[in-house]
Amino acid sequence: MTVQTLQDLLAEGVEGRGVLVRSDLNVPLDDNGQITDPGRIIASVPTIQALVEAGAKVVVMAHLGRPKGEPDAKFSLAPVAAKLAELLGRNVQLAGDVVGYDALSRSEGLTDGDVLLLENVRFDPRETSKDESARAKLAAAFVELVGDDGAFVSDGFGVVHREQASVYDVAQQLPHYAGTLVAAEVEVLQKLTQDPARPYAVVLGGSKVSDKLAVIEALAPKVDTLVIGGGMCFTFLAAQGLPVGGSLLQAEMIDTCKDLLERFGDVLHLPVDIVVADKFAADADTETVASTEIPDGWLGLDIGPESVSRFSALLTEAKTVFWNGPMGVFEFEKFAAGTRGVAEAIVTATSKGAFTVVGGGDSAAAVRALGLPDDGFSHISTGGGASLEYLEGKELPGISVLEG
């Protein structure tokens, strides 16, 4: 990636200058508004901390959830501001709006080393607008917060696949730099796509084949092993003519899966046993059955122990591993063994020198929820969707704009 980085900006000097930082602080909250996984906030700290220590006036832009272009209290960044302040060890102001009176007055009052977090940028409909001129006006309002000698640091890897005002349009109006996180993420993905060490194994889970179709098409010709688990495996099993009971099924994707199995049958690996349940619940009755014998009305909610054993044999011998998507409903203890077993196999591969990447999203959440060590993997990405689109070969707008 031939772009200027945070180190270049620090070398130029930021003392007394306003710096806009686009971070990815989109963390999960429970029903009480408490953060359940602060991973993305933790990952955002190094860039912000470096700017603070260099004397910049830091204005952070971020989103949370999917508000509908207007303020919504349940999507406020208030809990994020509190956690960020705790991690930075300093006060973090939270503006009461995105680019309105409060944001402007607070930004004007910043002194060297201060941090201001704007309220959820998706409270402004222009952030995600398809209208370039609308986005450009919002970007100009962001720029006004840091002044003519300001700079922009893109550090929210989880949003670089979006052409949005705080990601893309701001970079067209200010000197722009890749933050520590974005630079590191792209370096990791380049390592996965440019002559990876072999054997190269990919593990894909999650619910829908349609969500992963493009990455399967892109990676299957390039990898040695492609393991399929999670809810998406049942559409592949159905494509083999097997009964899947009440399991998640994308009937419209069956023919697509048949085609993938015909073309890449030597690479694709499906579960040979399944943990089935009589209902989708933590207290469901369960059985482990062969993947050829899922009973009518029962739902497959995890891969079985024989599948874990077979997948682990492949993964522990791999030299490169990319994992995106859980193997089952890991949020329920009865259906967490598949995800845990595959993750532990990847940890073992790491310990043997493999380069292993957890592709963000639910996979990263599973690592933390199951108590697995972060350092058991070479890299845990903060951006599931962005990682997948990069591996699919798509251009990421938030990266390409930094190259300009």
Protein backbone atom coordinates (compact mmCIF):
# COMPACT_ATOMS: atom_id res chain seq x y z
CA MET A 1 0.00 0.00 0.00
CA THR A 2 1.74 3.15 -1.22
CA VAL A 3 0.16 5.69 1.07
CA GLN A 4 1.37 8.06 3.73
CA THR A 5 1.08 6.62 7.22
CA LEU A 6 0.63 7.88 10.75
CA GLN A 7 4.41 7.82 11.14
CA ASP A 8 4.74 10.22 8.21
CA LEU A 9 2.23 12.59 9.82
CA LEU A 10 3.99 12.44 13.20
CA ALA A 11 7.28 13.19 11.47
CA GLU A 12 5.73 16.29 9.91
CA GLY A 13 4.57 17.40 13.33
CA VAL A 14 1.06 17.61 14.76
CA GLU A 15 1.55 19.70 17.89
CA GLY A 16 -1.27 22.21 18.05
CA ARG A 17 -2.90 20.86 14.89
CA GLY A 18 -6.38 19.41 14.62
CA VAL A 19 -6.47 15.81 13.42
CA LEU A 20 -9.62 14.00 12.33
CA VAL A 21 -9.43 10.27 13.04
CA ARG A 22 -11.96 7.80 11.61
CA SER A 23 -12.00 4.91 14.06
CA ASP A 24 -14.11 1.76 14.09
CA LEU A 25 -15.80 1.80 17.50
CA ASN A 26 -18.83 -0.24 16.44
CA VAL A 27 -18.88 -2.56 19.45
CA PRO A 28 -21.69 -4.87 20.60
CA LEU A 29 -23.90 -3.73 23.49
CA ASP A 30 -26.18 -5.77 25.72
CA ASP A 31 -29.79 -4.85 26.56
CA ASN A 32 -28.53 -2.53 29.30
CA GLY A 33 -26.25 -0.62 26.94
CA GLN A 34 -23.10 -2.24 28.34
CA ILE A 35 -20.23 -3.08 25.99
CA THR A 36 -19.85 -6.86 25.68
CA ASP A 37 -16.69 -6.92 23.55
CA PRO A 38 -14.42 -3.83 23.59
CA GLY A 39 -11.99 -5.31 21.04
CA ARG A 40 -12.45 -2.60 18.43
CA ILE A 41 -12.04 0.18 20.98
CA ILE A 42 -8.85 -1.42 22.26
CA ALA A 43 -7.55 -1.68 18.68
CA SER A 44 -8.22 2.04 18.10
CA VAL A 45 -6.14 3.23 21.04
CA PRO A 46 -2.57 3.11 19.60
CA THR A 47 -3.26 5.63 16.83
CA ILE A 48 -5.19 8.02 19.09
CA GLN A 49 -2.61 7.69 21.85
CA ALA A 50 0.27 8.47 19.48
CA LEU A 51 -1.48 11.64 18.28
CA VAL A 52 -2.31 12.72 21.83
CA GLU A 53 1.27 12.24 22.97
CA ALA A 54 2.48 14.30 20.00
CA GLY A 55 0.24 17.20 21.03
CA ALA A 56 -2.51 16.98 18.44
CA LYS A 57 -6.08 18.12 19.01
CA VAL A 58 -7.81 14.84 18.18
CA VAL A 59 -11.37 14.69 16.84
CA VAL A 60 -12.61 11.12 16.50
CA MET A 61 -15.38 10.08 14.10
CA ALA A 62 -17.15 6.74 14.52
CA HIS A 63 -20.51 4.99 14.24
CA LEU A 64 -22.43 2.48 16.30
CA GLY A 65 -25.11 0.16 14.95
CA ARG A 66 -27.51 1.10 12.20
CA PRO A 67 -29.45 4.23 13.17
CA LYS A 68 -31.73 5.50 10.44
CA GLY A 69 -30.01 8.81 9.70
CA GLU A 70 -31.27 10.58 12.82
CA PRO A 71 -30.38 10.71 16.54
CA ASP A 72 -31.36 7.60 18.47
CA ALA A 73 -30.39 7.31 22.14
CA LYS A 74 -29.81 3.56 21.98
CA PHE A 75 -27.06 4.13 19.41
CA SER A 76 -25.31 6.94 21.29
CA LEU A 77 -21.54 6.66 21.60
CA ALA A 78 -21.70 7.58 25.32
CA PRO A 79 -20.61 4.11 26.57
CA VAL A 80 -17.86 4.08 23.93
CA ALA A 81 -16.56 7.47 25.08
CA ALA A 82 -16.37 6.20 28.65
CA LYS A 83 -14.47 3.06 27.65
CA LEU A 84 -12.12 4.99 25.36
CA ALA A 85 -11.36 7.43 28.19
CA GLU A 86 -10.58 4.51 30.51
CA LEU A 87 -8.20 2.94 27.98
CA LEU A 88 -6.47 6.23 27.14
CA GLY A 89 -6.23 7.25 30.77
CA ARG A 90 -7.56 10.72 29.98
CA ASN A 91 -10.83 12.57 29.54
CA VAL A 92 -12.66 12.04 26.26
CA GLN A 93 -15.32 14.63 25.51
CA LEU A 94 -18.45 13.42 23.71
CA ALA A 95 -20.10 15.99 21.46
CA GLY A 96 -23.86 16.15 21.72
CA ASP A 97 -24.16 16.15 17.94
CA VAL A 98 -22.23 15.17 14.81
CA VAL A 99 -21.19 18.49 13.27
CA GLY A 100 -23.61 20.90 14.96
CA TYR A 101 -23.17 23.68 17.49
CA ASP A 102 -21.90 21.47 20.31
CA ALA A 103 -19.33 19.67 18.15
CA LEU A 104 -18.07 22.97 16.73
CA SER A 105 -17.86 24.77 20.06
CA ARG A 106 -16.10 21.82 21.73
CA SER A 107 -13.62 21.49 18.86
CA GLU A 108 -12.79 25.20 19.09
CA GLY A 109 -12.03 24.76 22.80
CA LEU A 110 -9.62 21.85 22.39
CA THR A 111 -6.07 22.25 23.63
CA ASP A 112 -3.02 20.20 22.68
CA GLY A 113 -3.51 16.53 23.58
CA ASP A 114 -7.29 16.75 24.01
CA VAL A 115 -9.67 14.17 22.54
CA LEU A 116 -13.18 14.88 21.27
CA LEU A 117 -15.45 12.05 20.12
CA LEU A 118 -18.24 13.17 17.82
CA GLU A 119 -21.65 11.63 18.32
CA ASN A 120 -22.55 8.72 16.03
CA VAL A 121 -21.82 9.93 12.49
CA ARG A 122 -24.72 7.84 11.17
CA PHE A 123 -27.09 10.17 13.02
CA ASP A 124 -26.50 12.43 10.00
CA PRO A 125 -28.15 10.98 6.85
CA ARG A 126 -25.42 12.47 4.66
CA GLU A 127 -22.85 10.03 6.10
CA THR A 128 -24.21 7.09 4.13
CA SER A 129 -25.89 9.03 1.30
CA LYS A 130 -25.47 7.90 -2.31
CA ASP A 131 -25.44 11.61 -3.24
CA GLU A 132 -21.78 12.63 -3.58
CA SER A 133 -22.53 16.31 -3.07
CA ALA A 134 -24.40 15.61 0.18
CA ARG A 135 -21.51 13.52 1.49
CA ALA A 136 -19.02 16.20 0.42
CA LYS A 137 -20.92 18.84 2.43
CA LEU A 138 -20.81 16.67 5.54
CA ALA A 139 -17.11 16.04 4.94
CA ALA A 140 -16.56 19.81 4.70
CA ALA A 141 -18.29 20.21 8.06
CA PHE A 142 -15.96 17.58 9.54
CA VAL A 143 -12.97 19.47 8.11
CA GLU A 144 -14.21 22.70 9.71
CA LEU A 145 -13.78 21.06 13.12
CA VAL A 146 -10.00 20.77 12.66
CA GLY A 147 -9.26 23.83 10.54
CA ASP A 148 -7.26 24.50 7.40
CA ASP A 149 -4.03 23.01 8.74
CA GLY A 150 -5.78 19.82 9.85
CA ALA A 151 -5.13 16.26 8.75
CA PHE A 152 -7.15 13.06 8.38
CA VAL A 153 -6.10 9.66 9.69
CA SER A 154 -8.05 6.65 8.47
CA ASP A 155 -7.93 4.03 11.20
CA GLY A 156 -11.32 2.30 10.96
CA PHE A 157 -10.55 -0.80 8.93
CA GLY A 158 -14.03 -2.19 9.52
CA VAL A 159 -15.50 0.58 7.33
CA VAL A 160 -12.93 1.01 4.55
CA HIS A 161 -15.15 -0.97 2.18
CA ARG A 162 -17.77 1.80 2.50
CA GLU A 163 -17.88 4.95 0.36
CA GLN A 164 -19.07 7.17 3.20
CA ALA A 165 -18.41 10.76 4.20
CA SER A 166 -16.20 10.07 7.23
CA VAL A 167 -14.29 7.33 5.42
CA TYR A 168 -13.96 8.42 1.80
CA ASP A 169 -15.01 12.04 1.24
CA VAL A 170 -12.99 13.55 4.11
CA ALA A 171 -9.84 12.05 2.59
CA GLN A 172 -10.49 14.08 -0.55
CA GLN A 173 -10.50 17.33 1.42
CA LEU A 174 -7.56 16.95 3.81
CA PRO A 175 -4.01 15.57 3.75
CA HIS A 176 -4.64 11.90 4.50
CA TYR A 177 -2.77 9.11 6.24
CA ALA A 178 -3.31 5.46 7.11
CA GLY A 179 -3.50 4.85 10.83
CA THR A 180 -1.63 2.09 12.63
CA LEU A 181 -4.57 -0.29 12.48
CA VAL A 182 -5.45 0.19 8.81
CA ALA A 183 -1.81 -0.13 7.73
CA ALA A 184 -1.41 -3.32 9.76
CA GLU A 185 -4.65 -4.86 8.44
CA VAL A 186 -3.72 -4.26 4.82
CA GLU A 187 -0.25 -5.67 5.40
CA VAL A 188 -1.81 -8.84 6.82
CA LEU A 189 -4.24 -9.21 3.91
CA GLN A 190 -1.47 -8.70 1.40
CA LYS A 191 0.39 -11.55 3.09
CA LEU A 192 -2.68 -13.76 2.62
CA THR A 193 -2.97 -12.92 -1.07
CA GLN A 194 0.64 -12.58 -2.21
CA ASP A 195 2.41 -15.95 -2.16
CA PRO A 196 1.13 -17.33 1.18
CA ALA A 197 3.02 -20.20 2.80
CA ARG A 198 1.47 -23.61 2.07
CA PRO A 199 -0.53 -25.59 2.91
CA TYR A 200 -3.02 -22.70 2.91
CA ALA A 201 -6.31 -23.43 4.71
CA VAL A 202 -9.43 -21.28 4.89
CA VAL A 203 -12.27 -21.86 7.36
CA LEU A 204 -15.64 -20.28 6.54
CA GLY A 205 -18.71 -20.38 8.77
CA GLY A 206 -21.67 -18.19 9.48
CA SER A 207 -25.26 -18.51 8.41
CA LYS A 208 -25.60 -17.81 4.70
CA VAL A 209 -23.84 -19.18 1.63
CA SER A 210 -24.82 -16.02 -0.23
CA ASP A 211 -22.74 -13.91 2.20
CA LYS A 212 -19.62 -15.99 1.50
CA LEU A 213 -20.18 -16.99 -2.15
CA ALA A 214 -17.82 -14.40 -3.62
CA VAL A 215 -14.99 -15.27 -1.24
CA ILE A 216 -15.48 -19.01 -1.88
CA GLU A 217 -15.25 -18.36 -5.61
CA ALA A 218 -12.15 -16.22 -5.14
CA LEU A 219 -10.27 -18.47 -2.71
CA ALA A 220 -11.21 -22.02 -3.69
CA PRO A 221 -8.88 -22.02 -6.74
CA LYS A 222 -6.01 -20.65 -4.62
CA VAL A 223 -6.08 -22.63 -1.36
CA ASP A 224 -5.28 -26.21 -0.42
CA THR A 225 -8.16 -26.65 2.04
CA LEU A 226 -11.48 -24.83 2.39
CA VAL A 227 -13.49 -25.92 5.43
CA ILE A 228 -17.23 -25.13 5.47
CA GLY A 229 -19.13 -24.99 8.77
CA GLY A 230 -21.85 -22.97 10.47
CA GLY A 231 -25.37 -22.60 9.15
CA MET A 232 -24.11 -22.33 5.57
CA CYS A 233 -22.99 -25.97 5.55
CA PHE A 234 -26.58 -27.22 5.40
CA THR A 235 -27.17 -25.76 1.96
CA PHE A 236 -24.07 -27.65 0.79
CA LEU A 237 -25.35 -30.85 2.41
CA ALA A 238 -28.72 -30.34 0.72
CA ALA A 239 -26.86 -29.90 -2.57
CA GLN A 240 -25.55 -33.44 -2.04
CA GLY A 241 -29.14 -34.66 -1.76
CA LEU A 242 -28.99 -35.08 2.03
CA PRO A 243 -31.87 -34.26 4.43
CA VAL A 244 -31.18 -31.25 6.67
CA GLY A 245 -34.31 -31.36 8.86
CA GLY A 246 -35.25 -27.92 10.13
CA SER A 247 -31.72 -26.55 9.73
CA LEU A 248 -31.01 -23.20 8.13
CA LEU A 249 -31.30 -23.61 4.38
CA GLN A 250 -30.98 -21.27 1.40
CA ALA A 251 -32.95 -23.28 -1.13
CA GLU A 252 -32.18 -20.78 -3.89
CA MET A 253 -28.46 -21.47 -3.41
CA ILE A 254 -28.60 -25.26 -3.74
CA ASP A 255 -27.72 -25.29 -7.45
CA THR A 256 -24.86 -22.87 -6.78
CA CYS A 257 -23.52 -25.17 -4.08
CA LYS A 258 -23.79 -28.16 -6.44
CA ASP A 259 -21.67 -26.26 -8.93
CA LEU A 260 -19.08 -25.34 -6.29
CA LEU A 261 -18.86 -28.97 -5.14
CA GLU A 262 -18.36 -30.14 -8.73
CA ARG A 263 -15.62 -27.61 -9.41
CA PHE A 264 -13.83 -27.60 -6.06
CA GLY A 265 -14.73 -30.94 -4.51
CA ASP A 266 -11.07 -31.75 -3.89
CA VAL A 267 -10.67 -28.60 -1.78
CA LEU A 268 -14.03 -28.20 -0.02
CA HIS A 269 -14.51 -30.05 3.27
CA LEU A 270 -17.96 -30.41 4.87
CA PRO A 271 -18.93 -31.68 8.33
CA VAL A 272 -19.40 -35.46 8.69
CA ASP A 273 -21.44 -35.15 11.89
CA ILE A 274 -23.77 -32.54 13.31
CA VAL A 275 -25.04 -31.55 16.76
CA VAL A 276 -28.82 -31.24 16.29
CA ALA A 277 -31.41 -29.73 18.60
CA ASP A 278 -35.17 -29.93 18.95
CA LYS A 279 -35.38 -26.13 19.20
CA PHE A 280 -33.21 -23.03 18.92
CA ALA A 281 -32.52 -22.47 22.60
CA ALA A 282 -29.78 -22.81 25.18
CA ASP A 283 -31.74 -25.55 26.97
CA ALA A 284 -32.66 -27.56 23.87
CA ASP A 285 -32.47 -31.33 23.80
CA THR A 286 -29.53 -32.36 21.61
CA GLU A 287 -28.12 -35.33 19.75
CA THR A 288 -25.04 -35.87 17.63
CA VAL A 289 -25.83 -37.52 14.32
CA ALA A 290 -24.06 -38.26 11.06
CA SER A 291 -24.46 -35.43 8.57
CA THR A 292 -26.31 -37.92 6.36
CA GLU A 293 -28.95 -38.57 9.04
CA ILE A 294 -30.32 -35.26 10.32
CA PRO A 295 -33.85 -36.07 11.57
CA ASP A 296 -36.96 -34.28 10.35
CA GLY A 297 -37.79 -31.22 12.42
CA TRP A 298 -34.42 -31.07 14.19
CA LEU A 299 -32.03 -28.18 13.65
CA GLY A 300 -28.30 -28.45 13.11
CA LEU A 301 -26.67 -25.93 15.47
CA ASP A 302 -23.03 -27.06 15.55
CA ILE A 303 -20.56 -29.36 13.86
CA GLY A 304 -19.92 -32.65 15.66
CA PRO A 305 -16.76 -34.03 17.32
CA GLU A 306 -15.71 -36.16 14.35
CA SER A 307 -15.89 -33.10 12.10
CA VAL A 308 -13.79 -31.15 14.60
CA SER A 309 -11.24 -33.97 14.59
CA ARG A 310 -11.04 -34.08 10.78
CA PHE A 311 -10.91 -30.32 10.37
CA SER A 312 -8.28 -30.05 13.12
CA ALA A 313 -6.05 -32.57 11.35
CA LEU A 314 -6.05 -30.31 8.29
CA LEU A 315 -5.65 -27.04 10.18
CA THR A 316 -2.85 -28.01 12.56
CA GLU A 317 -0.63 -28.89 9.59
CA ALA A 318 -1.38 -25.70 7.65
CA LYS A 319 1.22 -22.95 7.26
CA THR A 320 -1.36 -20.23 6.53
CA VAL A 321 -4.90 -20.09 7.93
CA PHE A 322 -7.71 -17.59 7.42
CA TRP A 323 -10.87 -18.05 9.52
CA ASN A 324 -14.13 -16.16 9.11
CA GLY A 325 -17.36 -17.34 10.71
CA PRO A 326 -18.22 -19.60 13.67
CA MET A 327 -18.93 -23.31 13.27
CA GLY A 328 -22.12 -23.19 15.31
CA VAL A 329 -24.25 -21.13 17.67
CA PHE A 330 -21.33 -20.55 20.03
CA GLU A 331 -23.36 -18.13 22.14
CA PHE A 332 -25.10 -21.22 23.60
CA GLU A 333 -22.67 -23.45 25.53
CA LYS A 334 -24.19 -26.65 24.10
CA PHE A 335 -23.27 -25.53 20.59
CA ALA A 336 -19.86 -23.92 21.20
CA ALA A 337 -17.67 -27.04 20.97
CA GLY A 338 -17.27 -26.90 17.19
CA THR A 339 -16.11 -23.30 17.12
CA ARG A 340 -13.87 -23.87 20.12
CA GLY A 341 -12.32 -27.01 18.59
CA VAL A 342 -11.55 -25.35 15.27
CA ALA A 343 -10.18 -22.26 17.02
CA GLU A 344 -7.93 -24.41 19.21
CA ALA A 345 -6.62 -26.19 16.12
CA ILE A 346 -5.73 -22.79 14.64
CA VAL A 347 -3.97 -21.84 17.89
CA THR A 348 -1.97 -25.07 17.60
CA ALA A 349 -1.03 -24.19 14.01
CA THR A 350 0.12 -20.76 15.22
CA SER A 351 2.32 -22.35 17.88
CA LYS A 352 3.95 -24.42 15.14
CA GLY A 353 4.83 -21.32 13.14
CA ALA A 354 1.81 -20.88 10.90
CA PHE A 355 0.54 -17.42 9.92
CA THR A 356 -3.06 -17.35 11.17
CA VAL A 357 -5.70 -14.67 10.74
CA VAL A 358 -9.11 -14.37 12.39
CA GLY A 359 -11.24 -12.44 9.94
CA GLY A 360 -13.11 -10.17 12.33
CA GLY A 361 -16.83 -10.11 13.02
CA ASP A 362 -18.37 -13.09 14.84
CA SER A 363 -15.09 -15.02 14.68
CA ALA A 364 -13.27 -12.36 16.70
CA ALA A 365 -16.21 -12.20 19.11
CA ALA A 366 -16.05 -15.98 19.50
CA VAL A 367 -12.34 -15.90 20.34
CA ARG A 368 -13.05 -13.56 23.24
CA ALA A 369 -16.35 -15.13 24.33
CA LEU A 370 -14.76 -18.58 24.53
CA GLY A 371 -11.79 -17.30 26.50
CA LEU A 372 -9.20 -18.09 23.84
CA PRO A 373 -5.94 -16.13 23.92
CA ASP A 374 -5.65 -13.25 21.47
CA ASP A 375 -1.97 -14.06 21.07
CA GLY A 376 -2.88 -17.59 19.99
CA PHE A 377 -3.41 -16.12 16.52
CA SER A 378 -1.04 -14.11 14.35
CA HIS A 379 -3.70 -11.45 13.77
CA ILE A 380 -7.31 -10.81 14.77
CA SER A 381 -8.93 -8.47 12.27
CA THR A 382 -11.36 -5.73 13.29
CA GLY A 383 -13.19 -5.80 9.96
CA GLY A 384 -15.02 -8.92 8.83
CA GLY A 385 -16.74 -7.44 5.78
CA ALA A 386 -13.71 -5.43 4.72
CA SER A 387 -11.44 -8.47 5.06
CA LEU A 388 -13.74 -10.60 2.91
CA GLU A 389 -14.09 -7.96 0.20
CA TYR A 390 -10.31 -7.54 0.04
CA LEU A 391 -9.84 -11.30 -0.34
CA GLU A 392 -12.55 -11.33 -3.01
CA GLY A 393 -10.36 -8.93 -4.98
CA LYS A 394 -12.68 -5.94 -4.66
CA GLU A 395 -11.37 -2.40 -4.47
CA LEU A 396 -11.92 -0.89 -1.02
CA PRO A 397 -12.88 2.79 -1.44
CA GLY A 398 -11.45 3.81 1.93
CA ILE A 399 -8.07 2.35 0.96
CA SER A 400 -7.94 3.48 -2.67
CA VAL A 401 -8.72 7.10 -1.67
CA LEU A 402 -5.65 7.10 0.57
CA GLU A 403 -3.50 6.28 -2.45
CA GLY A 404 -4.57 9.49 -4.20
